[in-house]
């Protein structure tokens, strides 16, 4: 076997240099997901997702101060509609509620103003109301299970 000359050794070492340089360790990047500080001015901007709730349909008062019968908002299921409960719908991480069709347009306008600065997540909601439908029960629009659902 022939002895290895210095030039051959140097040439083989130069072939290893790019491999050794490619194996340098990169710094680890750490990403933290922490809640934003909601103190101060930003707390006032935070939307109240419960503000778009339906009004209380309790006993109405007559002009003379007496209690009147509860005002019926529907007679059949066709008088009720489903709308997002808050700013986000079921396709965007929210939930839904039943509302009288007569109030649906006004509620939609109010929700558009109230939720103008709200961003919803792009994920399907697991809220139970997302598998329900609107129906009229005792003169009130309510969410009920869809036929055939568990």
N, C-alpha and C. Protein backbone atom coordinates (compact mmCIF):
# COMPACT_ATOMS: atom_id res chain seq x y z
N UNK A 1 0.84 -1.15 0.00
CA UNK A 1 0.00 0.00 0.00
C UNK A 1 0.90 1.23 0.00
N UNK A 2 0.54 2.18 -0.84
CA UNK A 2 1.36 3.38 -1.00
C UNK A 2 1.07 4.35 0.13
N UNK A 3 2.11 5.06 0.60
CA UNK A 3 1.88 6.03 1.67
C UNK A 3 1.02 7.19 1.16
N UNK A 4 0.22 7.78 2.05
CA UNK A 4 -0.66 8.90 1.71
C UNK A 4 0.16 10.17 1.76
N UNK A 5 0.09 10.91 0.72
CA UNK A 5 0.86 12.14 0.66
C UNK A 5 0.06 13.27 1.30
N UNK A 6 0.72 14.34 1.67
CA UNK A 6 0.10 15.49 2.31
C UNK A 6 -0.94 16.16 1.46
N UNK A 7 -0.71 16.18 0.14
CA UNK A 7 -1.69 16.82 -0.75
C UNK A 7 -3.01 16.06 -0.77
N UNK A 8 -2.95 14.76 -0.73
CA UNK A 8 -4.16 13.94 -0.73
C UNK A 8 -4.95 14.17 0.56
N UNK A 9 -4.23 14.29 1.66
CA UNK A 9 -4.89 14.52 2.94
C UNK A 9 -5.57 15.89 2.93
N UNK A 10 -4.84 16.91 2.44
CA UNK A 10 -5.42 18.25 2.37
C UNK A 10 -6.64 18.28 1.45
N UNK A 11 -6.60 17.60 0.35
CA UNK A 11 -7.73 17.58 -0.58
C UNK A 11 -8.94 16.91 0.05
N UNK A 12 -8.71 15.83 0.78
CA UNK A 12 -9.84 15.15 1.41
C UNK A 12 -10.42 15.99 2.54
N UNK A 13 -9.59 16.76 3.26
CA UNK A 13 -10.09 17.64 4.31
C UNK A 13 -10.92 18.77 3.72
N UNK A 14 -10.50 19.32 2.56
CA UNK A 14 -11.26 20.38 1.93
C UNK A 14 -12.64 19.87 1.47
N UNK A 15 -12.75 18.60 1.19
CA UNK A 15 -14.05 18.04 0.81
C UNK A 15 -14.98 17.96 2.02
N UNK A 16 -14.40 17.84 3.21
CA UNK A 16 -15.21 17.73 4.42
C UNK A 16 -15.64 19.09 4.96
N UNK A 17 -14.94 20.17 4.60
CA UNK A 17 -15.25 21.50 5.13
C UNK A 17 -16.70 21.91 4.85
N UNK A 18 -17.22 21.79 3.62
CA UNK A 18 -18.63 22.19 3.41
C UNK A 18 -19.60 21.37 4.24
N UNK A 19 -19.30 20.09 4.44
CA UNK A 19 -20.18 19.25 5.26
C UNK A 19 -20.18 19.70 6.71
N UNK A 20 -19.02 20.05 7.24
CA UNK A 20 -18.93 20.49 8.62
C UNK A 20 -19.61 21.84 8.81
N UNK A 21 -19.52 22.72 7.83
CA UNK A 21 -20.15 24.03 7.95
C UNK A 21 -21.67 23.91 7.87
N UNK A 22 -22.17 22.93 7.14
CA UNK A 22 -23.61 22.74 7.01
C UNK A 22 -24.22 22.18 8.28
N UNK A 23 -23.42 21.65 9.16
CA UNK A 23 -23.91 21.03 10.39
C UNK A 23 -23.88 21.97 11.59
N UNK A 24 -23.73 23.25 11.38
CA UNK A 24 -23.69 24.16 12.52
C UNK A 24 -25.08 24.22 13.16
N UNK A 25 -25.12 24.46 14.42
CA UNK A 25 -26.38 24.47 15.16
C UNK A 25 -27.04 25.85 15.05
N UNK A 26 -28.31 25.88 14.68
CA UNK A 26 -29.07 27.11 14.57
C UNK A 26 -29.70 27.42 15.94
N UNK A 27 -29.91 28.68 16.25
CA UNK A 27 -30.57 29.00 17.52
C UNK A 27 -32.04 28.57 17.50
N UNK A 28 -32.53 28.18 18.64
CA UNK A 28 -33.91 27.75 18.78
C UNK A 28 -34.82 28.97 18.84
N UNK A 29 -35.90 28.95 18.09
CA UNK A 29 -36.86 30.04 18.10
C UNK A 29 -38.02 29.64 18.99
N UNK A 30 -38.35 30.49 19.94
CA UNK A 30 -39.43 30.21 20.87
C UNK A 30 -40.55 31.21 20.61
N UNK A 31 -41.76 30.69 20.38
CA UNK A 31 -42.93 31.55 20.16
C UNK A 31 -43.86 31.34 21.34
N UNK A 32 -44.20 32.42 21.99
CA UNK A 32 -45.10 32.35 23.15
C UNK A 32 -46.44 32.96 22.77
N UNK A 33 -47.51 32.28 23.13
CA UNK A 33 -48.86 32.78 22.91
C UNK A 33 -49.43 33.17 24.26
N UNK A 34 -49.31 34.42 24.58
CA UNK A 34 -49.79 34.92 25.86
C UNK A 34 -50.94 35.90 25.60
N UNK A 35 -51.89 35.98 26.51
CA UNK A 35 -52.99 36.92 26.31
C UNK A 35 -52.48 38.35 26.32
N UNK A 36 -53.11 39.18 25.52
CA UNK A 36 -52.74 40.58 25.46
C UNK A 36 -53.16 41.27 26.76
N UNK A 37 -52.41 42.26 27.15
CA UNK A 37 -52.74 43.03 28.33
C UNK A 37 -53.97 43.88 28.02
N UNK A 38 -55.08 43.60 28.66
CA UNK A 38 -56.33 44.30 28.36
C UNK A 38 -56.59 45.44 29.34
N UNK A 39 -55.55 45.99 29.92
CA UNK A 39 -55.76 47.10 30.84
C UNK A 39 -55.75 48.41 30.07
N UNK A 40 -56.26 49.43 30.67
CA UNK A 40 -56.21 50.76 30.07
C UNK A 40 -57.19 50.94 28.94
N UNK A 41 -56.74 51.62 27.88
CA UNK A 41 -57.62 52.02 26.78
C UNK A 41 -58.14 50.85 25.98
N UNK A 42 -57.36 49.77 25.89
CA UNK A 42 -57.81 48.63 25.09
C UNK A 42 -58.98 47.92 25.74
N UNK A 43 -59.08 47.97 27.06
CA UNK A 43 -60.19 47.31 27.75
C UNK A 43 -61.52 47.94 27.35
N UNK A 44 -61.53 49.22 27.09
CA UNK A 44 -62.76 49.91 26.68
C UNK A 44 -63.17 49.50 25.28
N UNK A 45 -62.22 49.10 24.43
CA UNK A 45 -62.52 48.70 23.06
C UNK A 45 -63.02 47.27 22.96
N UNK A 46 -62.76 46.44 23.98
CA UNK A 46 -63.13 45.04 23.93
C UNK A 46 -64.64 44.92 23.79
N UNK A 47 -65.12 44.20 22.76
CA UNK A 47 -66.57 44.10 22.54
C UNK A 47 -67.24 43.23 23.59
N UNK A 48 -68.42 43.59 23.97
CA UNK A 48 -69.23 42.80 24.88
C UNK A 48 -70.07 41.87 24.02
N UNK A 49 -69.68 40.60 23.96
CA UNK A 49 -70.36 39.67 23.07
C UNK A 49 -71.78 39.36 23.52
N UNK A 50 -72.11 39.65 24.75
CA UNK A 50 -73.44 39.38 25.25
C UNK A 50 -74.40 40.54 25.04
N UNK A 51 -73.93 41.64 24.48
CA UNK A 51 -74.77 42.83 24.34
C UNK A 51 -75.88 42.65 23.31
N UNK A 52 -75.74 41.73 22.39
CA UNK A 52 -76.74 41.56 21.34
C UNK A 52 -77.82 40.55 21.73
N UNK A 53 -78.00 40.32 23.03
CA UNK A 53 -78.99 39.36 23.50
C UNK A 53 -80.40 39.88 23.24
N UNK A 54 -81.34 38.95 23.16
CA UNK A 54 -82.74 39.31 22.95
C UNK A 54 -83.27 40.00 24.20
N UNK A 55 -84.17 40.92 24.04
CA UNK A 55 -84.73 41.61 25.21
C UNK A 55 -85.58 40.66 26.03
N UNK A 56 -85.75 40.98 27.31
CA UNK A 56 -86.56 40.18 28.20
C UNK A 56 -88.02 40.27 27.77
N UNK A 57 -88.64 39.12 27.60
CA UNK A 57 -90.03 39.09 27.16
C UNK A 57 -90.97 38.88 28.34
N UNK A 58 -90.56 39.34 29.50
CA UNK A 58 -91.38 39.21 30.70
C UNK A 58 -92.68 39.96 30.56
N UNK A 59 -93.42 40.03 31.64
CA UNK A 59 -94.73 40.68 31.62
C UNK A 59 -94.60 42.15 31.26
N UNK A 60 -95.37 42.56 30.26
CA UNK A 60 -95.38 43.97 29.85
C UNK A 60 -96.32 44.73 30.78
N UNK A 61 -96.13 46.03 30.87
CA UNK A 61 -96.98 46.86 31.73
C UNK A 61 -97.97 47.63 30.87
N UNK A 62 -99.18 47.72 31.36
CA UNK A 62 -100.19 48.52 30.68
C UNK A 62 -100.00 49.98 31.09
N UNK A 63 -100.62 50.94 30.35
CA UNK A 63 -100.46 52.36 30.69
C UNK A 63 -100.83 52.70 32.13
N UNK A 64 -101.79 51.93 32.72
CA UNK A 64 -102.17 52.25 34.10
C UNK A 64 -101.26 51.58 35.12
N UNK A 65 -100.19 50.90 34.67
CA UNK A 65 -99.21 50.33 35.58
C UNK A 65 -99.44 48.86 35.89
N UNK A 66 -100.53 48.30 35.45
CA UNK A 66 -100.80 46.90 35.72
C UNK A 66 -100.03 45.98 34.79
N UNK A 67 -99.91 44.74 35.17
CA UNK A 67 -99.18 43.77 34.35
C UNK A 67 -100.09 43.26 33.25
N UNK A 68 -99.59 43.22 32.04
CA UNK A 68 -100.35 42.69 30.92
C UNK A 68 -99.88 41.27 30.63
N UNK A 69 -100.55 40.62 29.70
CA UNK A 69 -100.14 39.28 29.31
C UNK A 69 -98.79 39.35 28.60
N UNK A 70 -98.07 38.24 28.66
CA UNK A 70 -96.79 38.16 27.96
C UNK A 70 -97.05 38.27 26.46
N UNK A 71 -96.28 39.13 25.81
CA UNK A 71 -96.48 39.37 24.38
C UNK A 71 -95.85 38.22 23.59
N UNK A 72 -96.65 37.57 22.75
CA UNK A 72 -96.16 36.47 21.94
C UNK A 72 -95.39 37.02 20.74
N UNK A 73 -94.19 36.48 20.51
CA UNK A 73 -93.39 36.94 19.38
C UNK A 73 -93.57 36.03 18.16
N UNK A 74 -94.23 34.89 18.35
CA UNK A 74 -94.43 33.98 17.23
C UNK A 74 -95.68 33.14 17.44
N UNK A 75 -96.15 32.56 16.33
CA UNK A 75 -97.27 31.62 16.39
C UNK A 75 -96.85 30.26 15.85
N UNK A 76 -95.96 30.27 14.85
CA UNK A 76 -95.45 29.02 14.26
C UNK A 76 -93.93 29.11 14.14
N UNK A 77 -93.32 27.99 13.83
CA UNK A 77 -91.87 27.95 13.65
C UNK A 77 -91.41 28.85 12.51
N UNK A 78 -92.28 29.08 11.54
CA UNK A 78 -91.93 29.93 10.40
C UNK A 78 -91.76 31.40 10.82
N UNK A 79 -92.28 31.77 12.00
CA UNK A 79 -92.12 33.14 12.50
C UNK A 79 -90.76 33.36 13.16
N UNK A 80 -89.96 32.30 13.29
CA UNK A 80 -88.67 32.38 13.98
C UNK A 80 -87.53 32.18 13.00
N UNK A 81 -86.39 32.75 13.32
CA UNK A 81 -85.18 32.61 12.51
C UNK A 81 -84.01 32.32 13.43
N UNK A 82 -82.92 31.86 12.85
CA UNK A 82 -81.70 31.58 13.60
C UNK A 82 -80.69 32.67 13.25
N UNK A 83 -80.02 33.21 14.27
CA UNK A 83 -78.99 34.22 14.05
C UNK A 83 -77.81 33.94 14.98
N UNK A 84 -76.62 34.46 14.66
CA UNK A 84 -75.47 34.28 15.56
C UNK A 84 -75.75 34.92 16.92
N UNK A 85 -75.35 34.25 17.96
CA UNK A 85 -75.47 34.79 19.32
C UNK A 85 -74.13 35.44 19.65
N UNK A 86 -74.02 36.72 19.38
CA UNK A 86 -72.76 37.43 19.51
C UNK A 86 -72.28 37.80 18.12
N UNK A 87 -70.99 37.94 17.96
CA UNK A 87 -70.43 38.41 16.70
C UNK A 87 -70.12 37.29 15.71
N UNK A 88 -69.84 36.10 16.18
CA UNK A 88 -69.38 35.01 15.30
C UNK A 88 -70.44 33.93 15.15
N UNK A 89 -70.57 33.41 13.93
CA UNK A 89 -71.54 32.34 13.68
C UNK A 89 -70.89 30.98 13.95
N UNK A 90 -71.64 29.91 13.75
CA UNK A 90 -71.15 28.56 14.03
C UNK A 90 -69.99 28.14 13.13
N UNK A 91 -69.90 28.70 11.93
CA UNK A 91 -68.79 28.36 11.03
C UNK A 91 -67.51 29.07 11.45
N UNK A 92 -67.61 29.98 12.41
CA UNK A 92 -66.45 30.75 12.85
C UNK A 92 -66.30 30.75 14.37
N UNK A 93 -66.56 29.61 14.99
CA UNK A 93 -66.31 29.45 16.42
C UNK A 93 -67.37 29.99 17.36
N UNK A 94 -68.51 30.46 16.86
CA UNK A 94 -69.54 31.06 17.71
C UNK A 94 -70.66 30.11 18.04
N UNK A 95 -71.80 30.70 18.37
CA UNK A 95 -73.01 29.92 18.64
C UNK A 95 -74.18 30.68 18.05
N UNK A 96 -75.38 30.11 18.13
CA UNK A 96 -76.54 30.74 17.52
C UNK A 96 -77.72 30.75 18.48
N UNK A 97 -78.71 31.56 18.12
CA UNK A 97 -79.91 31.68 18.94
C UNK A 97 -81.12 31.89 18.05
N UNK A 98 -82.29 31.71 18.63
CA UNK A 98 -83.54 31.91 17.91
C UNK A 98 -84.03 33.33 18.14
N UNK A 99 -84.62 33.92 17.10
CA UNK A 99 -85.15 35.28 17.19
C UNK A 99 -86.37 35.37 16.28
N UNK A 100 -87.29 36.22 16.64
CA UNK A 100 -88.48 36.44 15.80
C UNK A 100 -88.04 37.08 14.49
N UNK A 101 -88.60 36.61 13.38
CA UNK A 101 -88.24 37.16 12.07
C UNK A 101 -88.53 38.65 11.99
N UNK A 102 -89.52 39.11 12.73
CA UNK A 102 -89.87 40.53 12.71
C UNK A 102 -88.73 41.39 13.29
N UNK A 103 -87.92 40.82 14.17
CA UNK A 103 -86.80 41.57 14.77
C UNK A 103 -85.46 41.23 14.14
N UNK A 104 -85.41 40.28 13.23
CA UNK A 104 -84.14 39.79 12.69
C UNK A 104 -83.36 40.85 11.93
N UNK A 105 -84.01 41.66 11.11
CA UNK A 105 -83.31 42.68 10.32
C UNK A 105 -82.68 43.74 11.22
N UNK A 106 -83.43 44.20 12.22
CA UNK A 106 -82.90 45.20 13.14
C UNK A 106 -81.74 44.63 13.95
N UNK A 107 -81.87 43.37 14.35
CA UNK A 107 -80.81 42.72 15.11
C UNK A 107 -79.54 42.57 14.27
N UNK A 108 -79.71 42.26 12.99
CA UNK A 108 -78.57 42.11 12.09
C UNK A 108 -77.83 43.44 11.93
N UNK A 109 -78.57 44.53 11.80
CA UNK A 109 -77.96 45.87 11.69
C UNK A 109 -77.19 46.22 12.97
N UNK A 110 -77.81 45.98 14.09
CA UNK A 110 -77.17 46.28 15.38
C UNK A 110 -75.91 45.44 15.56
N UNK A 111 -75.96 44.17 15.18
CA UNK A 111 -74.80 43.29 15.29
C UNK A 111 -73.68 43.75 14.37
N UNK A 112 -74.02 44.24 13.17
CA UNK A 112 -73.00 44.74 12.24
C UNK A 112 -72.26 45.93 12.83
N UNK A 113 -72.99 46.83 13.50
CA UNK A 113 -72.34 47.99 14.14
C UNK A 113 -71.50 47.55 15.33
N UNK A 114 -72.08 46.70 16.16
CA UNK A 114 -71.43 46.26 17.39
C UNK A 114 -70.19 45.41 17.11
N UNK A 115 -70.21 44.65 16.06
CA UNK A 115 -69.13 43.69 15.78
C UNK A 115 -68.17 44.15 14.68
N UNK A 116 -68.19 45.42 14.33
CA UNK A 116 -67.37 45.91 13.23
C UNK A 116 -65.89 45.66 13.45
N UNK A 117 -65.41 45.74 14.68
CA UNK A 117 -63.99 45.55 14.97
C UNK A 117 -63.67 44.16 15.51
N UNK A 118 -64.60 43.25 15.40
CA UNK A 118 -64.40 41.90 15.93
C UNK A 118 -63.94 40.96 14.83
N UNK A 119 -62.94 40.14 15.15
CA UNK A 119 -62.43 39.15 14.20
C UNK A 119 -62.76 37.77 14.76
N UNK A 120 -63.37 36.93 13.97
CA UNK A 120 -63.76 35.60 14.42
C UNK A 120 -62.72 34.56 13.98
N UNK A 121 -62.64 33.46 14.74
CA UNK A 121 -61.73 32.38 14.37
C UNK A 121 -62.31 31.60 13.21
N UNK A 122 -61.45 31.04 12.39
CA UNK A 122 -61.91 30.24 11.26
C UNK A 122 -61.91 28.77 11.67
N UNK A 123 -62.89 28.41 12.50
CA UNK A 123 -63.02 27.02 12.94
C UNK A 123 -64.49 26.73 13.22
N UNK A 124 -64.88 25.50 13.00
CA UNK A 124 -66.26 25.12 13.27
C UNK A 124 -66.48 25.08 14.77
N UNK A 125 -67.62 25.58 15.20
CA UNK A 125 -67.95 25.61 16.61
C UNK A 125 -68.46 24.25 17.07
N UNK A 126 -68.22 23.95 18.34
CA UNK A 126 -68.74 22.72 18.94
C UNK A 126 -69.88 23.04 19.90
N UNK A 127 -70.37 24.28 19.86
CA UNK A 127 -71.48 24.67 20.74
C UNK A 127 -72.73 23.87 20.38
N UNK A 128 -73.49 23.39 21.37
CA UNK A 128 -74.69 22.59 21.08
C UNK A 128 -75.73 23.31 20.24
N UNK A 129 -75.80 24.63 20.32
CA UNK A 129 -76.81 25.36 19.55
C UNK A 129 -76.56 25.26 18.04
N UNK A 130 -75.34 24.92 17.66
CA UNK A 130 -75.03 24.83 16.23
C UNK A 130 -75.70 23.62 15.57
N UNK A 131 -76.18 22.69 16.36
CA UNK A 131 -76.91 21.55 15.83
C UNK A 131 -78.40 21.64 16.08
N UNK A 132 -78.89 22.84 16.34
CA UNK A 132 -80.29 23.04 16.66
C UNK A 132 -80.97 23.93 15.62
N UNK A 133 -82.30 24.04 15.73
CA UNK A 133 -83.07 24.90 14.84
C UNK A 133 -84.02 25.73 15.67
N UNK A 134 -84.54 26.80 15.05
CA UNK A 134 -85.47 27.68 15.74
C UNK A 134 -86.89 27.13 15.65
N UNK A 135 -87.65 27.29 16.73
CA UNK A 135 -89.05 26.87 16.75
C UNK A 135 -89.82 27.80 17.68
N UNK A 136 -91.12 27.81 17.54
CA UNK A 136 -91.98 28.64 18.38
C UNK A 136 -92.60 27.75 19.46
N UNK A 137 -92.27 28.04 20.72
CA UNK A 137 -92.80 27.27 21.84
C UNK A 137 -93.46 28.26 22.80
N UNK A 138 -94.76 28.10 23.01
CA UNK A 138 -95.54 28.96 23.91
C UNK A 138 -95.38 30.43 23.57
N UNK A 139 -95.34 30.75 22.28
CA UNK A 139 -95.26 32.14 21.84
C UNK A 139 -93.87 32.74 21.85
N UNK A 140 -92.85 31.95 22.13
CA UNK A 140 -91.47 32.46 22.16
C UNK A 140 -90.59 31.65 21.22
N UNK A 141 -89.69 32.32 20.53
CA UNK A 141 -88.75 31.65 19.65
C UNK A 141 -87.63 31.05 20.50
N UNK A 142 -87.43 29.75 20.37
CA UNK A 142 -86.40 29.04 21.13
C UNK A 142 -85.65 28.07 20.22
N UNK A 143 -84.48 27.66 20.66
CA UNK A 143 -83.70 26.66 19.93
C UNK A 143 -84.10 25.29 20.41
N UNK A 144 -84.37 24.37 19.45
CA UNK A 144 -84.70 22.99 19.81
C UNK A 144 -83.82 22.07 18.97
N UNK A 145 -83.69 20.83 19.42
CA UNK A 145 -82.90 19.85 18.68
C UNK A 145 -83.55 19.56 17.34
N UNK A 146 -82.72 19.34 16.34
CA UNK A 146 -83.23 18.96 15.03
C UNK A 146 -83.73 17.53 15.10
N UNK A 147 -84.79 17.19 14.35
CA UNK A 147 -85.29 15.81 14.37
C UNK A 147 -84.18 14.86 13.92
N UNK A 148 -84.05 13.77 14.63
CA UNK A 148 -83.06 12.76 14.29
C UNK A 148 -81.69 13.01 14.90
N UNK A 149 -81.50 14.12 15.62
CA UNK A 149 -80.20 14.37 16.25
C UNK A 149 -80.21 13.79 17.65
N UNK A 150 -79.03 13.51 18.18
CA UNK A 150 -78.91 12.90 19.51
C UNK A 150 -78.99 13.92 20.58
